[in-house]
Protein backbone atom coordinates (compact mmCIF):
# COMPACT_ATOMS: atom_id res chain seq x y z
CA MET A 1 2.68 -15.86 0.70
CA ARG A 2 -0.19 -17.76 2.31
CA LYS A 3 -1.07 -15.21 5.05
CA PRO A 4 -1.76 -12.18 2.73
CA LYS A 5 -3.93 -14.46 0.70
CA MET A 6 -5.84 -15.39 3.56
CA LYS A 7 -6.29 -11.82 4.63
CA LEU A 8 -7.71 -10.84 1.40
CA THR A 9 -10.07 -13.84 1.53
CA ILE A 10 -11.12 -12.44 5.14
CA VAL A 11 -11.57 -8.94 3.86
CA GLN A 12 -13.64 -9.93 1.00
CA GLU A 13 -15.56 -12.00 3.03
CA ARG A 14 -16.22 -9.27 5.42
CA LEU A 15 -17.30 -7.01 2.53
CA ARG A 16 -19.79 -9.70 1.26
CA GLN A 17 -21.07 -10.04 4.71
CA ALA A 18 -21.46 -6.30 5.04
CA ARG A 19 -23.42 -6.05 1.78
CA ARG A 20 -25.84 -8.73 2.66
CA SER A 21 -26.24 -7.68 6.37
CA PHE A 22 -27.01 -4.11 4.85
CA ASN A 23 -29.64 -5.59 2.62
CA LEU A 24 -31.00 -7.94 5.34
CA ALA A 25 -31.34 -5.07 7.70
CA LEU A 26 -32.82 -2.87 5.25
CA ILE A 27 -35.54 -5.70 4.43
CA ALA A 28 -36.02 -6.38 8.00
CA THR A 29 -36.63 -2.76 8.92
CA ALA A 30 -39.17 -2.57 6.06
CA LEU A 31 -40.90 -5.68 7.26
CA SER A 32 -40.85 -4.23 10.85
CA ALA A 33 -42.46 -1.07 9.78
CA CYS A 34 -45.21 -2.96 7.80
CA ILE A 35 -45.76 -5.16 10.86
CA GLY A 36 -45.81 -2.18 13.03
CA LEU A 37 -48.47 -0.62 10.80
CA VAL A 38 -50.56 -3.88 11.14
CA GLY A 39 -49.96 -3.90 14.75
CA ALA A 40 -51.22 -0.43 15.09
CA GLY A 41 -54.43 -1.24 12.83
CA LEU A 42 -55.10 -4.15 15.27
CA LEU A 43 -54.77 -1.91 18.25
CA LEU A 44 -57.23 0.81 16.79
CA SER A 45 -59.61 -1.81 15.80
CA GLY A 46 -59.76 -2.90 19.63
CA LYS A 47 -57.74 -6.23 19.22
CA VAL A 48 -54.86 -5.05 21.64
CA THR A 49 -53.30 -8.39 22.40
CA GLU A 50 -52.81 -9.29 18.83
CA GLY A 51 -51.33 -5.75 18.02
CA THR A 52 -48.79 -5.94 20.73
CA VAL A 53 -47.50 -9.39 19.91
CA THR A 54 -47.38 -8.46 16.04
CA ALA A 55 -45.32 -5.61 16.66
CA ALA A 56 -42.96 -7.17 19.28
CA GLY A 57 -42.51 -10.04 16.62
CA GLY A 58 -41.27 -7.74 13.96
CA MET A 59 -38.82 -5.82 16.35
CA ALA A 60 -37.33 -9.18 17.62
CA ALA A 61 -36.61 -10.33 13.92
CA SER A 62 -34.77 -7.01 13.39
CA VAL A 63 -32.73 -7.27 16.42
CA GLN A 64 -31.82 -10.89 15.67
CA CYS A 65 -30.52 -9.78 12.15
CA VAL A 66 -28.23 -7.32 13.60
CA GLN A 67 -26.92 -9.53 16.34
CA LEU A 68 -26.09 -12.32 13.66
CA ALA A 69 -24.08 -9.84 11.43
CA LYS A 70 -22.16 -8.47 14.52
CA ASP A 71 -21.43 -11.89 15.65
CA THR A 72 -20.05 -12.95 12.34
CA ASN A 73 -18.09 -9.82 11.98
CA ASP A 74 -16.46 -10.24 15.27
CA ARG A 75 -15.28 -13.63 14.49
CA LEU A 76 -13.63 -12.43 11.39
CA ASP A 77 -11.94 -9.68 13.32
CA LYS A 78 -10.50 -12.12 15.71
CA ILE A 79 -9.27 -14.32 13.05
CA LEU A 80 -7.53 -11.32 11.20
CA ASP A 81 -6.00 -10.38 14.71
CA GLU A 82 -4.58 -13.83 14.90
CA LEU A 83 -3.16 -13.65 11.48
CA ASP A 84 -1.63 -10.30 12.19
CA ASP A 85 0.05 -11.78 15.55
CA GLU A 86 1.75 -14.53 13.51
CA THR A 87 3.51 -12.20 11.33
């Protein structure tokens, strides 16, 4: 009886994380777009170095959010597989 409850808990956690990951990715994408626009503005105004750094920083933040969500999901998948193997 304990294993089905644990599986349900893992599935619920994955759903919660999926919702939060989606929201975080959406926010990161919007911020990245805004940062990109600021970077383009700096590039057009002649401040090339600042524009490049600003745009790169926005992209890096977005990639980190996606990687964090993937790592967490992979760990939960592994736990779920281990529970299935025990059955």
